[in-house]
């Protein structure tokens, strides 16, 4: 499972799925985990998420998403700091990037 975003909803569901045995990858476009929260609290939770088996990719830019012949989803990402191309094959993608009012 790939979760795009590392806000409260993405973290809550990601940790829950990881503890139930799902391989979880979180992609964050910035360099901070839980960017709107207290840095000490977010660092503590980030450590716990890693202990629970969640992989976190910072500075991630999703480049392309493809469906494979085996009904998997291939996600092409770029690490914006190293310019490294990262490819993950997942079963499902959850978008947890937050909401903004449309006024």
PDB file of N, CA and C in Angstrom:
ATOM      1  N   UNK A   1       0.842  -1.169   0.000  1.00  0.00           N
ATOM      2  CA  UNK A   1       0.000   0.000   0.000  1.00  0.00           C
ATOM      3  C   UNK A   1       0.888   1.232   0.000  1.00  0.00           C
ATOM      4  N   UNK A   2       0.565   2.166  -0.886  1.00  0.00           N
ATOM      5  CA  UNK A   2       1.262   3.449  -0.913  1.00  0.00           C
ATOM      6  C   UNK A   2       0.318   4.510  -0.385  1.00  0.00           C
ATOM      7  N   UNK A   3       0.787   5.290   0.574  1.00  0.00           N
ATOM      8  CA  UNK A   3       0.012   6.415   1.090  1.00  0.00           C
ATOM      9  C   UNK A   3       0.734   7.685   0.679  1.00  0.00           C
ATOM     10  N   UNK A   4       0.037   8.535  -0.053  1.00  0.00           N
ATOM     11  CA  UNK A   4       0.610   9.813  -0.476  1.00  0.00           C
ATOM     12  C   UNK A   4       0.202  10.851   0.556  1.00  0.00           C
ATOM     13  N   UNK A   5       1.174  11.384   1.281  1.00  0.00           N
ATOM     14  CA  UNK A   5       0.923  12.363   2.339  1.00  0.00           C
ATOM     15  C   UNK A   5       1.215  11.757   3.704  1.00  0.00           C
ATOM     16  N   UNK A   6       1.720  12.589   4.609  1.00  0.00           N
ATOM     17  CA  UNK A   6       2.037  12.092   5.961  1.00  0.00           C
ATOM     18  C   UNK A   6       1.366  12.956   7.020  1.00  0.00           C
ATOM     19  N   UNK A   7       0.130  13.325   6.751  1.00  0.00           N
ATOM     20  CA  UNK A   7      -0.636  14.070   7.735  1.00  0.00           C
ATOM     21  C   UNK A   7      -1.293  13.124   8.728  1.00  0.00           C
ATOM     22  N   UNK A   8      -2.173  13.628   9.574  1.00  0.00           N
ATOM     23  CA  UNK A   8      -2.792  12.799  10.615  1.00  0.00           C
ATOM     24  C   UNK A   8      -3.574  11.603  10.075  1.00  0.00           C
ATOM     25  N   UNK A   9      -4.359  11.792   9.021  1.00  0.00           N
ATOM     26  CA  UNK A   9      -5.167  10.693   8.483  1.00  0.00           C
ATOM     27  C   UNK A   9      -4.264   9.623   7.867  1.00  0.00           C
ATOM     28  N   UNK A  10      -3.298  10.037   7.049  1.00  0.00           N
ATOM     29  CA  UNK A  10      -2.385   9.081   6.442  1.00  0.00           C
ATOM     30  C   UNK A  10      -1.595   8.298   7.476  1.00  0.00           C
ATOM     31  N   UNK A  11      -1.163   8.981   8.534  1.00  0.00           N
ATOM     32  CA  UNK A  11      -0.402   8.310   9.599  1.00  0.00           C
ATOM     33  C   UNK A  11      -1.263   7.309  10.358  1.00  0.00           C
ATOM     34  N   UNK A  12      -2.463   7.726  10.696  1.00  0.00           N
ATOM     35  CA  UNK A  12      -3.352   6.853  11.465  1.00  0.00           C
ATOM     36  C   UNK A  12      -3.675   5.586  10.685  1.00  0.00           C
ATOM     37  N   UNK A  13      -4.074   5.746   9.438  1.00  0.00           N
ATOM     38  CA  UNK A  13      -4.422   4.576   8.637  1.00  0.00           C
ATOM     39  C   UNK A  13      -3.186   3.767   8.259  1.00  0.00           C
ATOM     40  N   UNK A  14      -2.084   4.441   7.976  1.00  0.00           N
ATOM     41  CA  UNK A  14      -0.860   3.732   7.630  1.00  0.00           C
ATOM     42  C   UNK A  14      -0.362   2.866   8.766  1.00  0.00           C
ATOM     43  N   UNK A  15      -0.357   3.409   9.971  1.00  0.00           N
ATOM     44  CA  UNK A  15       0.096   2.637  11.118  1.00  0.00           C
ATOM     45  C   UNK A  15      -0.853   1.470  11.390  1.00  0.00           C
ATOM     46  N   UNK A  16      -2.144   1.724  11.258  1.00  0.00           N
ATOM     47  CA  UNK A  16      -3.121   0.648  11.470  1.00  0.00           C
ATOM     48  C   UNK A  16      -2.937  -0.491  10.486  1.00  0.00           C
ATOM     49  N   UNK A  17      -2.801  -0.163   9.209  1.00  0.00           N
ATOM     50  CA  UNK A  17      -2.597  -1.197   8.197  1.00  0.00           C
ATOM     51  C   UNK A  17      -1.270  -1.923   8.409  1.00  0.00           C
ATOM     52  N   UNK A  18      -0.221  -1.199   8.777  1.00  0.00           N
ATOM     53  CA  UNK A  18       1.075  -1.830   9.019  1.00  0.00           C
ATOM     54  C   UNK A  18       0.989  -2.815  10.171  1.00  0.00           C
ATOM     55  N   UNK A  19       0.294  -2.441  11.219  1.00  0.00           N
ATOM     56  CA  UNK A  19       0.166  -3.338  12.367  1.00  0.00           C
ATOM     57  C   UNK A  19      -0.699  -4.556  12.048  1.00  0.00           C
ATOM     58  N   UNK A  20      -1.534  -4.448  11.014  1.00  0.00           N
ATOM     59  CA  UNK A  20      -2.330  -5.598  10.583  1.00  0.00           C
ATOM     60  C   UNK A  20      -1.584  -6.463   9.568  1.00  0.00           C
ATOM     61  N   UNK A  21      -0.346  -6.077   9.219  1.00  0.00           N
ATOM     62  CA  UNK A  21       0.465  -6.906   8.347  1.00  0.00           C
ATOM     63  C   UNK A  21       0.657  -6.408   6.929  1.00  0.00           C
ATOM     64  N   UNK A  22       0.109  -5.261   6.595  1.00  0.00           N
ATOM     65  CA  UNK A  22       0.275  -4.702   5.257  1.00  0.00           C
ATOM     66  C   UNK A  22       1.619  -3.998   5.142  1.00  0.00           C
ATOM     67  N   UNK A  23       2.287  -4.176   4.003  1.00  0.00           N
ATOM     68  CA  UNK A  23       3.514  -3.423   3.746  1.00  0.00           C
ATOM     69  C   UNK A  23       3.086  -2.017   3.332  1.00  0.00           C
ATOM     70  N   UNK A  24       3.469  -1.018   4.108  1.00  0.00           N
ATOM     71  CA  UNK A  24       3.030   0.363   3.890  1.00  0.00           C
ATOM     72  C   UNK A  24       4.234   1.229   3.540  1.00  0.00           C
ATOM     73  N   UNK A  25       4.062   2.027   2.477  1.00  0.00           N
ATOM     74  CA  UNK A  25       5.056   3.020   2.070  1.00  0.00           C
ATOM     75  C   UNK A  25       4.357   4.367   2.097  1.00  0.00           C
ATOM     76  N   UNK A  26       4.945   5.347   2.770  1.00  0.00           N
ATOM     77  CA  UNK A  26       4.384   6.694   2.796  1.00  0.00           C
ATOM     78  C   UNK A  26       5.276   7.611   1.968  1.00  0.00           C
ATOM     79  N   UNK A  27       4.660   8.382   1.085  1.00  0.00           N
ATOM     80  CA  UNK A  27       5.393   9.333   0.255  1.00  0.00           C
ATOM     81  C   UNK A  27       5.015  10.744   0.696  1.00  0.00           C
ATOM     82  N   UNK A  28       6.005  11.510   1.114  1.00  0.00           N
ATOM     83  CA  UNK A  28       5.787  12.889   1.579  1.00  0.00           C
ATOM     84  C   UNK A  28       6.550  13.830   0.660  1.00  0.00           C
ATOM     85  N   UNK A  29       5.851  14.863   0.167  1.00  0.00           N
ATOM     86  CA  UNK A  29       6.521  15.787  -0.761  1.00  0.00           C
ATOM     87  C   UNK A  29       7.502  16.710  -0.055  1.00  0.00           C
ATOM     88  N   UNK A  30       7.322  16.906   1.224  1.00  0.00           N
ATOM     89  CA  UNK A  30       8.226  17.769   1.984  1.00  0.00           C
ATOM     90  C   UNK A  30       9.300  16.970   2.697  1.00  0.00           C
ATOM     91  N   UNK A  31       9.978  17.648   3.604  1.00  0.00           N
ATOM     92  CA  UNK A  31      11.056  16.990   4.337  1.00  0.00           C
ATOM     93  C   UNK A  31      10.673  16.684   5.782  1.00  0.00           C
ATOM     94  N   UNK A  32       9.424  16.960   6.160  1.00  0.00           N
ATOM     95  CA  UNK A  32       8.987  16.752   7.542  1.00  0.00           C
ATOM     96  C   UNK A  32       7.829  15.783   7.602  1.00  0.00           C
ATOM     97  N   UNK A  33       7.871  14.916   8.594  1.00  0.00           N
ATOM     98  CA  UNK A  33       6.780  14.002   8.907  1.00  0.00           C
ATOM     99  C   UNK A  33       5.773  14.772   9.760  1.00  0.00           C
ATOM    100  N   UNK A  34       4.489  14.649   9.496  1.00  0.00           N
ATOM    101  CA  UNK A  34       3.455  15.427  10.181  1.00  0.00           C
ATOM    102  C   UNK A  34       3.860  16.904  10.213  1.00  0.00           C
ATOM    103  N   UNK A  35       3.928  17.543   9.058  1.00  0.00           N
ATOM    104  CA  UNK A  35       4.519  18.884   8.963  1.00  0.00           C
ATOM    105  C   UNK A  35       3.836  19.974   9.783  1.00  0.00           C
ATOM    106  N   UNK A  36       2.577  19.829  10.130  1.00  0.00           N
ATOM    107  CA  UNK A  36       1.875  20.884  10.875  1.00  0.00           C
ATOM    108  C   UNK A  36       1.870  20.667  12.386  1.00  0.00           C
ATOM    109  N   UNK A  37       2.518  19.595  12.824  1.00  0.00           N
ATOM    110  CA  UNK A  37       2.498  19.243  14.246  1.00  0.00           C
ATOM    111  C   UNK A  37       3.811  19.628  14.918  1.00  0.00           C
ATOM    112  N   UNK A  38       3.836  19.509  16.239  1.00  0.00           N
ATOM    113  CA  UNK A  38       5.027  19.795  17.029  1.00  0.00           C
ATOM    114  C   UNK A  38       6.175  18.902  16.571  1.00  0.00           C
ATOM    115  N   UNK A  39       7.356  19.458  16.291  1.00  0.00           N
ATOM    116  CA  UNK A  39       8.479  18.655  15.776  1.00  0.00           C
ATOM    117  C   UNK A  39       8.889  17.498  16.680  1.00  0.00           C
ATOM    118  N   UNK A  40       8.860  17.694  17.998  1.00  0.00           N
ATOM    119  CA  UNK A  40       9.240  16.608  18.910  1.00  0.00           C
ATOM    120  C   UNK A  40       8.239  15.460  18.843  1.00  0.00           C
ATOM    121  N   UNK A  41       6.956  15.802  18.806  1.00  0.00           N
ATOM    122  CA  UNK A  41       5.914  14.772  18.722  1.00  0.00           C
ATOM    123  C   UNK A  41       5.978  14.037  17.387  1.00  0.00           C
ATOM    124  N   UNK A  42       6.182  14.778  16.301  1.00  0.00           N
ATOM    125  CA  UNK A  42       6.229  14.133  14.990  1.00  0.00           C
ATOM    126  C   UNK A  42       7.462  13.239  14.870  1.00  0.00           C
ATOM    127  N   UNK A  43       8.585  13.621  15.465  1.00  0.00           N
ATOM    128  CA  UNK A  43       9.782  12.776  15.441  1.00  0.00           C
ATOM    129  C   UNK A  43       9.547  11.483  16.215  1.00  0.00           C
ATOM    130  N   UNK A  44       8.875  11.589  17.361  1.00  0.00           N
ATOM    131  CA  UNK A  44       8.556  10.401  18.160  1.00  0.00           C
ATOM    132  C   UNK A  44       7.651   9.456  17.377  1.00  0.00           C
ATOM    133  N   UNK A  45       6.610  10.004  16.749  1.00  0.00           N
ATOM    134  CA  UNK A  45       5.681   9.179  15.984  1.00  0.00           C
ATOM    135  C   UNK A  45       6.366   8.589  14.748  1.00  0.00           C
ATOM    136  N   UNK A  46       7.245   9.341  14.111  1.00  0.00           N
ATOM    137  CA  UNK A  46       7.971   8.832  12.948  1.00  0.00           C
ATOM    138  C   UNK A  46       8.810   7.610  13.354  1.00  0.00           C
ATOM    139  N   UNK A  47       9.492   7.693  14.475  1.00  0.00           N
ATOM    140  CA  UNK A  47      10.278   6.553  14.956  1.00  0.00           C
ATOM    141  C   UNK A  47       9.386   5.331  15.208  1.00  0.00           C
ATOM    142  N   UNK A  48       8.227   5.559  15.795  1.00  0.00           N
ATOM    143  CA  UNK A  48       7.308   4.457  16.072  1.00  0.00           C
ATOM    144  C   UNK A  48       6.771   3.851  14.783  1.00  0.00           C
ATOM    145  N   UNK A  49       6.474   4.697  13.799  1.00  0.00           N
ATOM    146  CA  UNK A  49       5.971   4.193  12.515  1.00  0.00           C
ATOM    147  C   UNK A  49       7.028   3.312  11.847  1.00  0.00           C
ATOM    148  N   UNK A  50       8.280   3.728  11.913  1.00  0.00           N
ATOM    149  CA  UNK A  50       9.362   2.927  11.323  1.00  0.00           C
ATOM    150  C   UNK A  50       9.492   1.600  12.061  1.00  0.00           C
ATOM    151  N   UNK A  51       9.366   1.614  13.393  1.00  0.00           N
ATOM    152  CA  UNK A  51       9.398   0.368  14.169  1.00  0.00           C
ATOM    153  C   UNK A  51       8.244  -0.549  13.791  1.00  0.00           C
ATOM    154  N   UNK A  52       7.096   0.049  13.414  1.00  0.00           N
ATOM    155  CA  UNK A  52       5.932  -0.741  13.003  1.00  0.00           C
ATOM    156  C   UNK A  52       6.053  -1.255  11.571  1.00  0.00           C
ATOM    157  N   UNK A  53       7.129  -0.872  10.862  1.00  0.00           N
ATOM    158  CA  UNK A  53       7.363  -1.389   9.521  1.00  0.00           C
ATOM    159  C   UNK A  53       6.971  -0.472   8.386  1.00  0.00           C
ATOM    160  N   UNK A  54       6.617   0.767   8.676  1.00  0.00           N
ATOM    161  CA  UNK A  54       6.240   1.713   7.629  1.00  0.00           C
ATOM    162  C   UNK A  54       7.504   2.318   7.021  1.00  0.00           C
ATOM    163  N   UNK A  55       7.597   2.287   5.691  1.00  0.00           N
ATOM    164  CA  UNK A  55       8.704   2.946   4.981  1.00  0.00           C
ATOM    165  C   UNK A  55       8.254   4.359   4.628  1.00  0.00           C
ATOM    166  N   UNK A  56       9.108   5.340   4.869  1.00  0.00           N
ATOM    167  CA  UNK A  56       8.760   6.736   4.595  1.00  0.00           C
ATOM    168  C   UNK A  56       9.749   7.295   3.588  1.00  0.00           C
ATOM    169  N   UNK A  57       9.222   7.861   2.508  1.00  0.00           N
ATOM    170  CA  UNK A  57      10.047   8.484   1.475  1.00  0.00           C
ATOM    171  C   UNK A  57       9.786   9.986   1.531  1.00  0.00           C
ATOM    172  N   UNK A  58      10.803  10.770   1.899  1.00  0.00           N
ATOM    173  CA  UNK A  58      10.670  12.227   1.952  1.00  0.00           C
ATOM    174  C   UNK A  58      11.095  12.831   0.625  1.00  0.00           C
ATOM    175  N   UNK A  59      10.670  14.063   0.393  1.00  0.00           N
ATOM    176  CA  UNK A  59      10.992  14.791  -0.843  1.00  0.00           C
ATOM    177  C   UNK A  59      10.579  13.968  -2.061  1.00  0.00           C
ATOM    178  N   UNK A  60       9.439  13.295  -1.963  1.00  0.00           N
ATOM    179  CA  UNK A  60       8.976  12.418  -3.040  1.00  0.00           C
ATOM    180  C   UNK A  60       8.102  13.187  -4.018  1.00  0.00           C
ATOM    181  N   UNK A  61       8.366  12.963  -5.267  1.00  0.00           N
ATOM    182  CA  UNK A  61       7.562  13.536  -6.340  1.00  0.00           C
ATOM    183  C   UNK A  61       7.053  12.381  -7.194  1.00  0.00           C
ATOM    184  N   UNK A  62       5.738  12.168  -7.186  1.00  0.00           N
ATOM    185  CA  UNK A  62       5.147  11.088  -7.976  1.00  0.00           C
ATOM    186  C   UNK A  62       5.205  11.499  -9.448  1.00  0.00           C
ATOM    187  N   UNK A  63       5.878  10.700 -10.258  1.00  0.00           N
ATOM    188  CA  UNK A  63       6.060  11.013 -11.672  1.00  0.00           C
ATOM    189  C   UNK A  63       5.019  10.333 -12.551  1.00  0.00           C
ATOM    190  N   UNK A  64       4.752   9.051 -12.266  1.00  0.00           N
ATOM    191  CA  UNK A  64       3.864   8.289 -13.133  1.00  0.00           C
ATOM    192  C   UNK A  64       3.314   7.102 -12.363  1.00  0.00           C
ATOM    193  N   UNK A  65       2.097   6.694 -12.718  1.00  0.00           N
ATOM    194  CA  UNK A  65       1.459   5.522 -12.133  1.00  0.00           C
ATOM    195  C   UNK A  65       0.953   4.658 -13.281  1.00  0.00           C
ATOM    196  N   UNK A  66       1.286   3.358 -13.245  1.00  0.00           N
ATOM    197  CA  UNK A  66       0.857   2.431 -14.303  1.00  0.00           C
ATOM    198  C   UNK A  66       0.249   1.189 -13.681  1.00  0.00           C
ATOM    199  N   UNK A  67      -0.740   0.638 -14.355  1.00  0.00           N
ATOM    200  CA  UNK A  67      -1.282  -0.660 -13.949  1.00  0.00           C
ATOM    201  C   UNK A  67      -0.511  -1.734 -14.706  1.00  0.00           C
ATOM    202  N   UNK A  68      -0.077  -2.778 -14.001  1.00  0.00           N
ATOM    203  CA  UNK A  68       0.699  -3.840 -14.629  1.00  0.00           C
ATOM    204  C   UNK A  68      -0.221  -4.964 -15.089  1.00  0.00           C
ATOM    205  N   UNK A  69       0.346  -5.940 -15.785  1.00  0.00           N
ATOM    206  CA  UNK A  69      -0.419  -7.096 -16.255  1.00  0.00           C
ATOM    207  C   UNK A  69      -0.918  -7.968 -15.113  1.00  0.00           C
ATOM    208  N   UNK A  70      -0.262  -7.888 -13.967  1.00  0.00           N
ATOM    209  CA  UNK A  70      -0.642  -8.711 -12.814  1.00  0.00           C
ATOM    210  C   UNK A  70      -1.585  -7.968 -11.869  1.00  0.00           C
ATOM    211  N   UNK A  71      -2.243  -6.920 -12.355  1.00  0.00           N
ATOM    212  CA  UNK A  71      -3.181  -6.099 -11.568  1.00  0.00           C
ATOM    213  C   UNK A  71      -2.526  -5.392 -10.390  1.00  0.00           C
ATOM    214  N   UNK A  72      -1.232  -5.207 -10.445  1.00  0.00           N
ATOM    215  CA  UNK A  72      -0.528  -4.383  -9.466  1.00  0.00           C
ATOM    216  C   UNK A  72      -0.458  -2.964 -10.020  1.00  0.00           C
ATOM    217  N   UNK A  73      -0.059  -2.038  -9.186  1.00  0.00           N
ATOM    218  CA  UNK A  73       0.112  -0.650  -9.593  1.00  0.00           C
ATOM    219  C   UNK A  73       1.590  -0.315  -9.440  1.00  0.00           C
ATOM    220  N   UNK A  74       2.194   0.128 -10.510  1.00  0.00           N
ATOM    221  CA  UNK A  74       3.606   0.504 -10.482  1.00  0.00           C
ATOM    222  C   UNK A  74       3.670   2.021 -10.345  1.00  0.00           C
ATOM    223  N   UNK A  75       4.349   2.485  -9.292  1.00  0.00           N
ATOM    224  CA  UNK A  75       4.452   3.906  -8.993  1.00  0.00           C
ATOM    225  C   UNK A  75       5.893   4.350  -9.201  1.00  0.00           C
ATOM    226  N   UNK A  76       6.066   5.361 -10.039  1.00  0.00           N
ATOM    227  CA  UNK A  76       7.383   5.919 -10.319  1.00  0.00           C
ATOM    228  C   UNK A  76       7.508   7.230  -9.560  1.00  0.00           C
ATOM    229  N   UNK A  77       8.496   7.306  -8.660  1.00  0.00           N
ATOM    230  CA  UNK A  77       8.729   8.499  -7.848  1.00  0.00           C
ATOM    231  C   UNK A  77      10.133   9.004  -8.088  1.00  0.00           C
ATOM    232  N   UNK A  78      10.328  10.273  -7.759  1.00  0.00           N
ATOM    233  CA  UNK A  78      11.661  10.845  -7.772  1.00  0.00           C
ATOM    234  C   UNK A  78      11.930  11.451  -6.413  1.00  0.00           C
ATOM    235  N   UNK A  79      13.088  11.146  -5.857  1.00  0.00           N
ATOM    236  CA  UNK A  79      13.545  11.804  -4.640  1.00  0.00           C
ATOM    237  C   UNK A  79      14.107  13.154  -5.069  1.00  0.00           C
ATOM    238  N   UNK A  80      13.438  14.239  -4.661  1.00  0.00           N
ATOM    239  CA  UNK A  80      13.817  15.573  -5.139  1.00  0.00           C
ATOM    240  C   UNK A  80      15.185  16.033  -4.666  1.00  0.00           C
ATOM    241  N   UNK A  81      15.694  15.462  -3.570  1.00  0.00           N
ATOM    242  CA  UNK A  81      17.008  15.889  -3.094  1.00  0.00           C
ATOM    243  C   UNK A  81      18.138  15.173  -3.827  1.00  0.00           C
ATOM    244  N   UNK A  82      17.978  13.879  -4.090  1.00  0.00           N
ATOM    245  CA  UNK A  82      19.042  13.116  -4.746  1.00  0.00           C
ATOM    246  C   UNK A  82      18.788  12.909  -6.239  1.00  0.00           C
ATOM    247  N   UNK A  83      17.591  13.258  -6.702  1.00  0.00           N
ATOM    248  CA  UNK A  83      17.167  13.037  -8.097  1.00  0.00           C
ATOM    249  C   UNK A  83      17.126  11.548  -8.452  1.00  0.00           C
ATOM    250  N   UNK A  84      17.101  10.688  -7.435  1.00  0.00           N
ATOM    251  CA  UNK A  84      17.052   9.248  -7.640  1.00  0.00           C
ATOM    252  C   UNK A  84      15.635   8.827  -8.030  1.00  0.00           C
ATOM    253  N   UNK A  85      15.522   7.941  -9.015  1.00  0.00           N
ATOM    254  CA  UNK A  85      14.232   7.390  -9.417  1.00  0.00           C
ATOM    255  C   UNK A  85      13.921   6.191  -8.528  1.00  0.00           C
ATOM    256  N   UNK A  86      12.712   6.151  -7.981  1.00  0.00           N
ATOM    257  CA  UNK A  86      12.280   5.067  -7.112  1.00  0.00           C
ATOM    258  C   UNK A  86      11.035   4.459  -7.738  1.00  0.00           C
ATOM    259  N   UNK A  87      10.986   3.140  -7.814  1.00  0.00           N
ATOM    260  CA  UNK A  87       9.827   2.442  -8.362  1.00  0.00           C
ATOM    261  C   UNK A  87       9.310   1.476  -7.303  1.00  0.00           C
ATOM    262  N   UNK A  88       8.002   1.565  -7.026  1.00  0.00           N
ATOM    263  CA  UNK A  88       7.360   0.648  -6.087  1.00  0.00           C
ATOM    264  C   UNK A  88       6.196  -0.016  -6.796  1.00  0.00           C
ATOM    265  N   UNK A  89       5.972  -1.289  -6.493  1.00  0.00           N
ATOM    266  CA  UNK A  89       4.801  -1.999  -6.983  1.00  0.00           C
ATOM    267  C   UNK A  89       3.885  -2.235  -5.802  1.00  0.00           C
ATOM    268  N   UNK A  90       2.655  -1.728  -5.902  1.00  0.00           N
ATOM    269  CA  UNK A  90       1.715  -1.801  -4.787  1.00  0.00           C
ATOM    270  C   UNK A  90       0.372  -2.329  -5.272  1.00  0.00           C
ATOM    271  N   UNK A  91      -0.470  -2.702  -4.311  1.00  0.00           N
ATOM    272  CA  UNK A  91      -1.822  -3.161  -4.638  1.00  0.00           C
ATOM    273  C   UNK A  91      -2.824  -2.011  -4.649  1.00  0.00           C
ATOM    274  N   UNK A  92      -2.572  -1.016  -3.811  1.00  0.00           N
ATOM    275  CA  UNK A  92      -3.531   0.084  -3.669  1.00  0.00           C
ATOM    276  C   UNK A  92      -2.785   1.372  -3.307  1.00  0.00           C
ATOM    277  N   UNK A  93      -3.356   2.493  -3.720  1.00  0.00           N
ATOM    278  CA  UNK A  93      -2.817   3.811  -3.377  1.00  0.00           C
ATOM    279  C   UNK A  93      -3.884   4.576  -2.605  1.00  0.00           C
ATOM    280  N   UNK A  94      -3.489   5.154  -1.485  1.00  0.00           N
ATOM    281  CA  UNK A  94      -4.385   6.018  -0.728  1.00  0.00           C
ATOM    282  C   UNK A  94      -3.833   7.438  -0.787  1.00  0.00           C
ATOM    283  N   UNK A  95      -4.670   8.368  -1.173  1.00  0.00           N
ATOM    284  CA  UNK A  95      -4.252   9.765  -1.239  1.00  0.00           C
ATOM    285  C   UNK A  95      -4.747  10.453   0.024  1.00  0.00           C
ATOM    286  N   UNK A  96      -3.810  10.895   0.853  1.00  0.00           N
ATOM    287  CA  UNK A  96      -4.112  11.537   2.130  1.00  0.00           C
ATOM    288  C   UNK A  96      -3.386  12.877   2.178  1.00  0.00           C
ATOM    289  N   UNK A  97      -3.690  13.730   1.218  1.00  0.00           N
ATOM    290  CA  UNK A  97      -2.972  15.001   1.099  1.00  0.00           C
ATOM    291  C   UNK A  97      -3.716  16.156   1.753  1.00  0.00           C
ATOM    292  N   UNK A  98      -4.836  15.883   2.378  1.00  0.00           N
ATOM    293  CA  UNK A  98      -5.570  16.942   3.057  1.00  0.00           C
ATOM    294  C   UNK A  98      -6.643  17.544   2.168  1.00  0.00           C
ATOM    295  N   UNK A  99      -7.378  18.457   2.763  1.00  0.00           N
ATOM    296  CA  UNK A  99      -8.467  19.111   2.045  1.00  0.00           C
ATOM    297  C   UNK A  99      -8.324  20.613   2.169  1.00  0.00           C
ATOM    298  N   UNK A 100      -8.779  21.298   1.160  1.00  0.00           N
ATOM    299  CA  UNK A 100      -8.762  22.764   1.150  1.00  0.00           C
ATOM    300  C   UNK A 100     -10.144  23.223   0.695  1.00  0.00           C
ATOM    301  N   UNK A 101     -10.750  24.174   1.390  1.00  0.00           N
ATOM    302  CA  UNK A 101     -12.067  24.649   0.958  1.00  0.00           C
ATOM    303  C   UNK A 101     -11.992  25.304  -0.423  1.00  0.00           C
ATOM    304  N   UNK A 102     -13.017  25.081  -1.206  1.00  0.00           N
ATOM    305  CA  UNK A 102     -13.118  25.655  -2.545  1.00  0.00           C
ATOM    306  C   UNK A 102     -14.135  26.791  -2.488  1.00  0.00           C
ATOM    307  N   UNK A 103     -13.629  27.986  -2.153  1.00  0.00           N
ATOM    308  CA  UNK A 103     -14.539  29.139  -2.028  1.00  0.00           C
ATOM    309  C   UNK A 103     -14.146  30.232  -2.985  1.00  0.00           C
TER     310      UNK A 103
END
